[in-house]
Amino acid sequence: MKYVLKLYISGESERAKTAKEEAYALSNYHYNGGYEIELEIIDVMKNKDAVKNDDVFILPTLERVFPLPRRRVIGQFSDMQKVFSYLGIE
C-alpha cells in the first residue's frame, strides 16, 4: 500500500526541525513495515500559496493526501502509533 503525506512547517525553527525529524521517522518506520510512504515537506514561508490552497491554519500539520479521504494530525508526531491511527495507516 502506498501513502502520500504532506508536512507543513514554517521556516527552520526548532519546532519545524523536530516536526521534520518525526515525520521522517514515521515514514521510515512504516517503510520498513511493508508500506511505501511518500513524504513532501512544504515550508509555508517559501510557498505561501500552499497555506491558502490546502486550508492549513496551524503548523506543523501532517496530512495524508492519498488515499482519500484526507486526514490531518496537528502538533507533535512523536507517538507513532497514535499518528498512524489518526491518519488511518494501519
PDB file of N, CA and C in Angstrom:
ATOM      1  N   MET A   1       0.845  -1.178   0.000  1.00  0.00           N
ATOM      2  CA  MET A   1       0.000   0.000   0.000  1.00  0.00           C
ATOM      3  C   MET A   1       0.886   1.236   0.000  1.00  0.00           C
ATOM      4  N   LYS A   2       0.507   2.226  -0.769  1.00  0.00           N
ATOM      5  CA  LYS A   2       1.267   3.472  -0.830  1.00  0.00           C
ATOM      6  C   LYS A   2       0.440   4.583  -0.182  1.00  0.00           C
ATOM      7  N   TYR A   3       1.118   5.402   0.632  1.00  0.00           N
ATOM      8  CA  TYR A   3       0.527   6.571   1.263  1.00  0.00           C
ATOM      9  C   TYR A   3       1.327   7.794   0.854  1.00  0.00           C
ATOM     10  N   VAL A   4       0.632   8.902   0.661  1.00  0.00           N
ATOM     11  CA  VAL A   4       1.289  10.169   0.355  1.00  0.00           C
ATOM     12  C   VAL A   4       0.958  11.132   1.491  1.00  0.00           C
ATOM     13  N   LEU A   5       2.005  11.670   2.119  1.00  0.00           N
ATOM     14  CA  LEU A   5       1.850  12.590   3.235  1.00  0.00           C
ATOM     15  C   LEU A   5       2.478  13.925   2.885  1.00  0.00           C
ATOM     16  N   LYS A   6       1.876  15.012   3.413  1.00  0.00           N
ATOM     17  CA  LYS A   6       2.453  16.345   3.305  1.00  0.00           C
ATOM     18  C   LYS A   6       2.662  16.870   4.712  1.00  0.00           C
ATOM     19  N   LEU A   7       3.842  17.419   4.939  1.00  0.00           N
ATOM     20  CA  LEU A   7       4.151  18.057   6.207  1.00  0.00           C
ATOM     21  C   LEU A   7       4.296  19.553   5.953  1.00  0.00           C
ATOM     22  N   TYR A   8       3.470  20.333   6.629  1.00  0.00           N
ATOM     23  CA  TYR A   8       3.502  21.784   6.521  1.00  0.00           C
ATOM     24  C   TYR A   8       4.251  22.339   7.730  1.00  0.00           C
ATOM     25  N   ILE A   9       5.308  23.109   7.455  1.00  0.00           N
ATOM     26  CA  ILE A   9       6.111  23.718   8.517  1.00  0.00           C
ATOM     27  C   ILE A   9       6.337  25.186   8.173  1.00  0.00           C
ATOM     28  N   SER A  10       6.927  25.914   9.124  1.00  0.00           N
ATOM     29  CA  SER A  10       7.228  27.316   8.903  1.00  0.00           C
ATOM     30  C   SER A  10       8.699  27.568   9.194  1.00  0.00           C
ATOM     31  N   GLY A  11       9.483  27.725   8.143  1.00  0.00           N
ATOM     32  CA  GLY A  11      10.891  28.068   8.298  1.00  0.00           C
ATOM     33  C   GLY A  11      11.741  26.966   8.889  1.00  0.00           C
ATOM     34  N   GLU A  12      12.798  27.389   9.585  1.00  0.00           N
ATOM     35  CA  GLU A  12      13.776  26.454  10.154  1.00  0.00           C
ATOM     36  C   GLU A  12      13.824  26.565  11.675  1.00  0.00           C
ATOM     37  N   SER A  13      12.687  26.817  12.288  1.00  0.00           N
ATOM     38  CA  SER A  13      12.627  26.893  13.748  1.00  0.00           C
ATOM     39  C   SER A  13      12.885  25.514  14.352  1.00  0.00           C
ATOM     40  N   GLU A  14      13.119  25.478  15.641  1.00  0.00           N
ATOM     41  CA  GLU A  14      13.311  24.191  16.322  1.00  0.00           C
ATOM     42  C   GLU A  14      12.075  23.309  16.179  1.00  0.00           C
ATOM     43  N   ARG A  15      10.905  23.936  16.274  1.00  0.00           N
ATOM     44  CA  ARG A  15       9.649  23.187  16.129  1.00  0.00           C
ATOM     45  C   ARG A  15       9.535  22.567  14.734  1.00  0.00           C
ATOM     46  N   ALA A  16       9.929  23.320  13.714  1.00  0.00           N
ATOM     47  CA  ALA A  16       9.890  22.815  12.342  1.00  0.00           C
ATOM     48  C   ALA A  16      10.891  21.674  12.159  1.00  0.00           C
ATOM     49  N   LYS A  17      12.082  21.845  12.715  1.00  0.00           N
ATOM     50  CA  LYS A  17      13.100  20.788  12.614  1.00  0.00           C
ATOM     51  C   LYS A  17      12.637  19.511  13.308  1.00  0.00           C
ATOM     52  N   THR A  18      12.043  19.655  14.476  1.00  0.00           N
ATOM     53  CA  THR A  18      11.532  18.488  15.202  1.00  0.00           C
ATOM     54  C   THR A  18      10.427  17.811  14.404  1.00  0.00           C
ATOM     55  N   ALA A  19       9.524  18.596  13.833  1.00  0.00           N
ATOM     56  CA  ALA A  19       8.428  18.025  13.033  1.00  0.00           C
ATOM     57  C   ALA A  19       8.978  17.247  11.846  1.00  0.00           C
ATOM     58  N   LYS A  20      10.004  17.797  11.174  1.00  0.00           N
ATOM     59  CA  LYS A  20      10.616  17.081  10.043  1.00  0.00           C
ATOM     60  C   LYS A  20      11.243  15.773  10.492  1.00  0.00           C
ATOM     61  N   GLU A  21      11.977  15.798  11.581  1.00  0.00           N
ATOM     62  CA  GLU A  21      12.611  14.583  12.091  1.00  0.00           C
ATOM     63  C   GLU A  21      11.563  13.525  12.430  1.00  0.00           C
ATOM     64  N   GLU A  22      10.484  13.939  13.104  1.00  0.00           N
ATOM     65  CA  GLU A  22       9.434  12.993  13.479  1.00  0.00           C
ATOM     66  C   GLU A  22       8.716  12.438  12.248  1.00  0.00           C
ATOM     67  N   ALA A  23       8.454  13.284  11.250  1.00  0.00           N
ATOM     68  CA  ALA A  23       7.793  12.831  10.026  1.00  0.00           C
ATOM     69  C   ALA A  23       8.675  11.853   9.256  1.00  0.00           C
ATOM     70  N   TYR A  24       9.990  12.144   9.174  1.00  0.00           N
ATOM     71  CA  TYR A  24      10.911  11.208   8.519  1.00  0.00           C
ATOM     72  C   TYR A  24      10.961   9.882   9.271  1.00  0.00           C
ATOM     73  N   ALA A  25      10.966   9.936  10.592  1.00  0.00           N
ATOM     74  CA  ALA A  25      10.974   8.704  11.388  1.00  0.00           C
ATOM     75  C   ALA A  25       9.709   7.895  11.120  1.00  0.00           C
ATOM     76  N   LEU A  26       8.565   8.557  11.030  1.00  0.00           N
ATOM     77  CA  LEU A  26       7.308   7.865  10.727  1.00  0.00           C
ATOM     78  C   LEU A  26       7.367   7.187   9.370  1.00  0.00           C
ATOM     79  N   SER A  27       7.843   7.923   8.370  1.00  0.00           N
ATOM     80  CA  SER A  27       7.862   7.346   7.025  1.00  0.00           C
ATOM     81  C   SER A  27       8.867   6.203   6.930  1.00  0.00           C
ATOM     82  N   ASN A  28       9.995   6.328   7.583  1.00  0.00           N
ATOM     83  CA  ASN A  28      10.982   5.242   7.567  1.00  0.00           C
ATOM     84  C   ASN A  28      10.500   4.037   8.354  1.00  0.00           C
ATOM     85  N   TYR A  29       9.835   4.257   9.465  1.00  0.00           N
ATOM     86  CA  TYR A  29       9.322   3.153  10.284  1.00  0.00           C
ATOM     87  C   TYR A  29       8.322   2.327   9.484  1.00  0.00           C
ATOM     88  N   HIS A  30       7.397   2.986   8.833  1.00  0.00           N
ATOM     89  CA  HIS A  30       6.387   2.242   8.092  1.00  0.00           C
ATOM     90  C   HIS A  30       6.948   1.644   6.812  1.00  0.00           C
ATOM     91  N   TYR A  31       7.925   2.310   6.214  1.00  0.00           N
ATOM     92  CA  TYR A  31       8.544   1.755   5.011  1.00  0.00           C
ATOM     93  C   TYR A  31       9.148   0.396   5.332  1.00  0.00           C
ATOM     94  N   ASN A  32       9.779   0.304   6.483  1.00  0.00           N
ATOM     95  CA  ASN A  32      10.362  -0.965   6.899  1.00  0.00           C
ATOM     96  C   ASN A  32       9.280  -1.989   7.238  1.00  0.00           C
ATOM     97  N   GLY A  33       8.065  -1.524   7.501  1.00  0.00           N
ATOM     98  CA  GLY A  33       6.960  -2.412   7.825  1.00  0.00           C
ATOM     99  C   GLY A  33       6.187  -2.891   6.611  1.00  0.00           C
ATOM    100  N   GLY A  34       6.624  -2.541   5.407  1.00  0.00           N
ATOM    101  CA  GLY A  34       5.976  -3.025   4.207  1.00  0.00           C
ATOM    102  C   GLY A  34       5.101  -2.013   3.495  1.00  0.00           C
ATOM    103  N   TYR A  35       4.999  -0.813   4.032  1.00  0.00           N
ATOM    104  CA  TYR A  35       4.237   0.242   3.385  1.00  0.00           C
ATOM    105  C   TYR A  35       5.198   1.203   2.715  1.00  0.00           C
ATOM    106  N   GLU A  36       4.758   1.783   1.621  1.00  0.00           N
ATOM    107  CA  GLU A  36       5.545   2.830   0.976  1.00  0.00           C
ATOM    108  C   GLU A  36       4.919   4.163   1.337  1.00  0.00           C
ATOM    109  N   ILE A  37       5.718   5.061   1.904  1.00  0.00           N
ATOM    110  CA  ILE A  37       5.222   6.380   2.273  1.00  0.00           C
ATOM    111  C   ILE A  37       6.051   7.432   1.560  1.00  0.00           C
ATOM    112  N   GLU A  38       5.360   8.249   0.776  1.00  0.00           N
ATOM    113  CA  GLU A  38       5.991   9.383   0.112  1.00  0.00           C
ATOM    114  C   GLU A  38       5.722  10.604   0.970  1.00  0.00           C
ATOM    115  N   LEU A  39       6.760  11.314   1.339  1.00  0.00           N
ATOM    116  CA  LEU A  39       6.640  12.467   2.227  1.00  0.00           C
ATOM    117  C   LEU A  39       7.093  13.723   1.506  1.00  0.00           C
ATOM    118  N   GLU A  40       6.215  14.718   1.468  1.00  0.00           N
ATOM    119  CA  GLU A  40       6.545  16.012   0.882  1.00  0.00           C
ATOM    120  C   GLU A  40       6.571  17.047   2.008  1.00  0.00           C
ATOM    121  N   ILE A  41       7.658  17.804   2.086  1.00  0.00           N
ATOM    122  CA  ILE A  41       7.802  18.853   3.093  1.00  0.00           C
ATOM    123  C   ILE A  41       7.468  20.187   2.431  1.00  0.00           C
ATOM    124  N   ILE A  42       6.535  20.924   3.024  1.00  0.00           N
ATOM    125  CA  ILE A  42       6.134  22.216   2.477  1.00  0.00           C
ATOM    126  C   ILE A  42       6.426  23.289   3.519  1.00  0.00           C
ATOM    127  N   ASP A  43       7.363  24.154   3.200  1.00  0.00           N
ATOM    128  CA  ASP A  43       7.700  25.282   4.055  1.00  0.00           C
ATOM    129  C   ASP A  43       6.819  26.450   3.624  1.00  0.00           C
ATOM    130  N   VAL A  44       5.875  26.819   4.467  1.00  0.00           N
ATOM    131  CA  VAL A  44       4.914  27.855   4.091  1.00  0.00           C
ATOM    132  C   VAL A  44       5.555  29.235   3.980  1.00  0.00           C
ATOM    133  N   MET A  45       6.754  29.401   4.523  1.00  0.00           N
ATOM    134  CA  MET A  45       7.474  30.667   4.350  1.00  0.00           C
ATOM    135  C   MET A  45       7.942  30.814   2.898  1.00  0.00           C
ATOM    136  N   LYS A  46       8.202  29.692   2.248  1.00  0.00           N
ATOM    137  CA  LYS A  46       8.659  29.701   0.858  1.00  0.00           C
ATOM    138  C   LYS A  46       7.504  29.499  -0.121  1.00  0.00           C
ATOM    139  N   ASN A  47       6.413  28.917   0.351  1.00  0.00           N
ATOM    140  CA  ASN A  47       5.268  28.611  -0.505  1.00  0.00           C
ATOM    141  C   ASN A  47       3.981  29.050   0.193  1.00  0.00           C
ATOM    142  N   LYS A  48       3.735  30.343   0.190  1.00  0.00           N
ATOM    143  CA  LYS A  48       2.574  30.902   0.900  1.00  0.00           C
ATOM    144  C   LYS A  48       1.248  30.466   0.283  1.00  0.00           C
ATOM    145  N   ASP A  49       1.241  30.144  -0.997  1.00  0.00           N
ATOM    146  CA  ASP A  49       0.009  29.695  -1.644  1.00  0.00           C
ATOM    147  C   ASP A  49      -0.462  28.346  -1.116  1.00  0.00           C
ATOM    148  N   ALA A  50       0.470  27.527  -0.646  1.00  0.00           N
ATOM    149  CA  ALA A  50       0.093  26.205  -0.125  1.00  0.00           C
ATOM    150  C   ALA A  50      -0.842  26.325   1.061  1.00  0.00           C
ATOM    151  N   VAL A  51      -0.631  27.307   1.894  1.00  0.00           N
ATOM    152  CA  VAL A  51      -1.481  27.507   3.065  1.00  0.00           C
ATOM    153  C   VAL A  51      -2.908  27.810   2.628  1.00  0.00           C
ATOM    154  N   LYS A  52      -3.048  28.694   1.658  1.00  0.00           N
ATOM    155  CA  LYS A  52      -4.376  29.065   1.166  1.00  0.00           C
ATOM    156  C   LYS A  52      -5.026  27.907   0.417  1.00  0.00           C
ATOM    157  N   ASN A  53      -4.284  27.311  -0.489  1.00  0.00           N
ATOM    158  CA  ASN A  53      -4.841  26.258  -1.337  1.00  0.00           C
ATOM    159  C   ASN A  53      -5.217  25.002  -0.557  1.00  0.00           C
ATOM    160  N   ASP A  54      -4.469  24.687   0.493  1.00  0.00           N
ATOM    161  CA  ASP A  54      -4.695  23.448   1.235  1.00  0.00           C
ATOM    162  C   ASP A  54      -5.397  23.672   2.571  1.00  0.00           C
ATOM    163  N   ASP A  55      -5.827  24.911   2.836  1.00  0.00           N
ATOM    164  CA  ASP A  55      -6.561  25.238   4.068  1.00  0.00           C
ATOM    165  C   ASP A  55      -5.816  24.802   5.324  1.00  0.00           C
ATOM    166  N   VAL A  56      -4.546  25.170   5.416  1.00  0.00           N
ATOM    167  CA  VAL A  56      -3.737  24.870   6.595  1.00  0.00           C
ATOM    168  C   VAL A  56      -3.732  26.105   7.484  1.00  0.00           C
ATOM    169  N   PHE A  57      -4.125  25.924   8.758  1.00  0.00           N
ATOM    170  CA  PHE A  57      -4.234  27.050   9.673  1.00  0.00           C
ATOM    171  C   PHE A  57      -3.253  26.973  10.840  1.00  0.00           C
ATOM    172  N   ILE A  58      -2.817  25.764  11.183  1.00  0.00           N
ATOM    173  CA  ILE A  58      -1.943  25.557  12.332  1.00  0.00           C
ATOM    174  C   ILE A  58      -0.726  24.765  11.870  1.00  0.00           C
ATOM    175  N   LEU A  59       0.446  25.153  12.369  1.00  0.00           N
ATOM    176  CA  LEU A  59       1.686  24.471  11.994  1.00  0.00           C
ATOM    177  C   LEU A  59       2.361  23.910  13.232  1.00  0.00           C
ATOM    178  N   PRO A  60       3.037  22.804  13.144  1.00  0.00           N
ATOM    179  CA  PRO A  60       3.125  21.925  11.984  1.00  0.00           C
ATOM    180  C   PRO A  60       1.858  21.088  11.815  1.00  0.00           C
ATOM    181  N   THR A  61       1.576  20.750  10.571  1.00  0.00           N
ATOM    182  CA  THR A  61       0.457  19.878  10.229  1.00  0.00           C
ATOM    183  C   THR A  61       0.976  18.768   9.332  1.00  0.00           C
ATOM    184  N   LEU A  62       0.603  17.548   9.656  1.00  0.00           N
ATOM    185  CA  LEU A  62       0.929  16.387   8.831  1.00  0.00           C
ATOM    186  C   LEU A  62      -0.380  15.889   8.246  1.00  0.00           C
ATOM    187  N   GLU A  63      -0.444  15.796   6.916  1.00  0.00           N
ATOM    188  CA  GLU A  63      -1.681  15.426   6.248  1.00  0.00           C
ATOM    189  C   GLU A  63      -1.469  14.221   5.345  1.00  0.00           C
ATOM    190  N   ARG A  64      -2.387  13.266   5.447  1.00  0.00           N
ATOM    191  CA  ARG A  64      -2.410  12.162   4.480  1.00  0.00           C
ATOM    192  C   ARG A  64      -3.281  12.625   3.320  1.00  0.00           C
ATOM    193  N   VAL A  65      -2.676  12.725   2.132  1.00  0.00           N
ATOM    194  CA  VAL A  65      -3.422  13.179   0.960  1.00  0.00           C
ATOM    195  C   VAL A  65      -3.836  12.027   0.055  1.00  0.00           C
ATOM    196  N   PHE A  66      -3.191  10.889   0.205  1.00  0.00           N
ATOM    197  CA  PHE A  66      -3.550   9.689  -0.558  1.00  0.00           C
ATOM    198  C   PHE A  66      -3.294   8.473   0.300  1.00  0.00           C
ATOM    199  N   PRO A  67      -4.205   7.553   0.342  1.00  0.00           N
ATOM    200  CA  PRO A  67      -5.501   7.518  -0.322  1.00  0.00           C
ATOM    201  C   PRO A  67      -6.508   8.442   0.366  1.00  0.00           C
ATOM    202  N   LEU A  68      -7.533   8.795  -0.380  1.00  0.00           N
ATOM    203  CA  LEU A  68      -8.602   9.619   0.164  1.00  0.00           C
ATOM    204  C   LEU A  68      -9.425   8.812   1.156  1.00  0.00           C
ATOM    205  N   PRO A  69     -10.073   9.409   2.106  1.00  0.00           N
ATOM    206  CA  PRO A  69     -10.191  10.837   2.355  1.00  0.00           C
ATOM    207  C   PRO A  69      -8.938  11.370   3.043  1.00  0.00           C
ATOM    208  N   ARG A  70      -8.730  12.665   2.930  1.00  0.00           N
ATOM    209  CA  ARG A  70      -7.595  13.320   3.580  1.00  0.00           C
ATOM    210  C   ARG A  70      -7.796  13.291   5.094  1.00  0.00           C
ATOM    211  N   ARG A  71      -6.684  13.154   5.802  1.00  0.00           N
ATOM    212  CA  ARG A  71      -6.699  13.190   7.265  1.00  0.00           C
ATOM    213  C   ARG A  71      -5.507  13.988   7.743  1.00  0.00           C
ATOM    214  N   ARG A  72      -5.679  14.669   8.887  1.00  0.00           N
ATOM    215  CA  ARG A  72      -4.617  15.543   9.400  1.00  0.00           C
ATOM    216  C   ARG A  72      -4.311  15.273  10.866  1.00  0.00           C
ATOM    217  N   VAL A  73      -3.035  15.493  11.190  1.00  0.00           N
ATOM    218  CA  VAL A  73      -2.568  15.495  12.576  1.00  0.00           C
ATOM    219  C   VAL A  73      -1.824  16.811  12.759  1.00  0.00           C
ATOM    220  N   ILE A  74      -2.116  17.495  13.854  1.00  0.00           N
ATOM    221  CA  ILE A  74      -1.518  18.795  14.112  1.00  0.00           C
ATOM    222  C   ILE A  74      -0.675  18.718  15.380  1.00  0.00           C
ATOM    223  N   GLY A  75       0.513  19.330  15.338  1.00  0.00           N
ATOM    224  CA  GLY A  75       1.343  19.404  16.539  1.00  0.00           C
ATOM    225  C   GLY A  75       2.515  18.462  16.503  1.00  0.00           C
ATOM    226  N   GLN A  76       2.636  17.641  17.541  1.00  0.00           N
ATOM    227  CA  GLN A  76       3.749  16.693  17.640  1.00  0.00           C
ATOM    228  C   GLN A  76       3.362  15.354  17.033  1.00  0.00           C
ATOM    229  N   PHE A  77       4.362  14.669  16.509  1.00  0.00           N
ATOM    230  CA  PHE A  77       4.145  13.383  15.859  1.00  0.00           C
ATOM    231  C   PHE A  77       5.009  12.292  16.482  1.00  0.00           C
ATOM    232  N   SER A  78       5.392  12.473  17.735  1.00  0.00           N
ATOM    233  CA  SER A  78       6.333  11.551  18.369  1.00  0.00           C
ATOM    234  C   SER A  78       5.704  10.211  18.740  1.00  0.00           C
ATOM    235  N   ASP A  79       4.403  10.169  19.004  1.00  0.00           N
ATOM    236  CA  ASP A  79       3.733   8.906  19.329  1.00  0.00           C
ATOM    237  C   ASP A  79       3.275   8.255  18.024  1.00  0.00           C
ATOM    238  N   MET A  80       4.138   7.427  17.457  1.00  0.00           N
ATOM    239  CA  MET A  80       3.898   6.867  16.130  1.00  0.00           C
ATOM    240  C   MET A  80       2.576   6.129  16.020  1.00  0.00           C
ATOM    241  N   GLN A  81       2.238   5.328  17.014  1.00  0.00           N
ATOM    242  CA  GLN A  81       1.006   4.546  16.928  1.00  0.00           C
ATOM    243  C   GLN A  81      -0.224   5.443  16.871  1.00  0.00           C
ATOM    244  N   LYS A  82      -0.240   6.513  17.649  1.00  0.00           N
ATOM    245  CA  LYS A  82      -1.367   7.452  17.599  1.00  0.00           C
ATOM    246  C   LYS A  82      -1.434   8.158  16.250  1.00  0.00           C
ATOM    247  N   VAL A  83      -0.298   8.585  15.735  1.00  0.00           N
ATOM    248  CA  VAL A  83      -0.274   9.262  14.436  1.00  0.00           C
ATOM    249  C   VAL A  83      -0.762   8.319  13.352  1.00  0.00           C
ATOM    250  N   PHE A  84      -0.281   7.082  13.339  1.00  0.00           N
ATOM    251  CA  PHE A  84      -0.738   6.114  12.346  1.00  0.00           C
ATOM    252  C   PHE A  84      -2.248   5.913  12.445  1.00  0.00           C
ATOM    253  N   SER A  85      -2.750   5.828  13.667  1.00  0.00           N
ATOM    254  CA  SER A  85      -4.183   5.639  13.885  1.00  0.00           C
ATOM    255  C   SER A  85      -4.971   6.850  13.366  1.00  0.00           C
ATOM    256  N   TYR A  86      -4.556   8.052  13.724  1.00  0.00           N
ATOM    257  CA  TYR A  86      -5.251   9.264  13.282  1.00  0.00           C
ATOM    258  C   TYR A  86      -5.243   9.397  11.771  1.00  0.00           C
ATOM    259  N   LEU A  87      -4.126   9.005  11.143  1.00  0.00           N
ATOM    260  CA  LEU A  87      -4.012   9.116   9.690  1.00  0.00           C
ATOM    261  C   LEU A  87      -4.632   7.926   8.966  1.00  0.00           C
ATOM    262  N   GLY A  88      -5.058   6.924   9.711  1.00  0.00           N
ATOM    263  CA  GLY A  88      -5.659   5.747   9.091  1.00  0.00           C
ATOM    264  C   GLY A  88      -4.663   4.836   8.417  1.00  0.00           C
ATOM    265  N   ILE A  89      -3.428   4.851   8.925  1.00  0.00           N
ATOM    266  CA  ILE A  89      -2.376   3.972   8.404  1.00  0.00           C
ATOM    267  C   ILE A  89      -2.242   2.835   9.397  1.00  0.00           C
ATOM    268  N   GLU A  90      -2.686   1.681   9.004  1.00  0.00           N
ATOM    269  CA  GLU A  90      -2.706   0.556   9.944  1.00  0.00           C
ATOM    270  C   GLU A  90      -1.545  -0.325   9.672  1.00  0.00           C
TER     271      GLU A  90
END
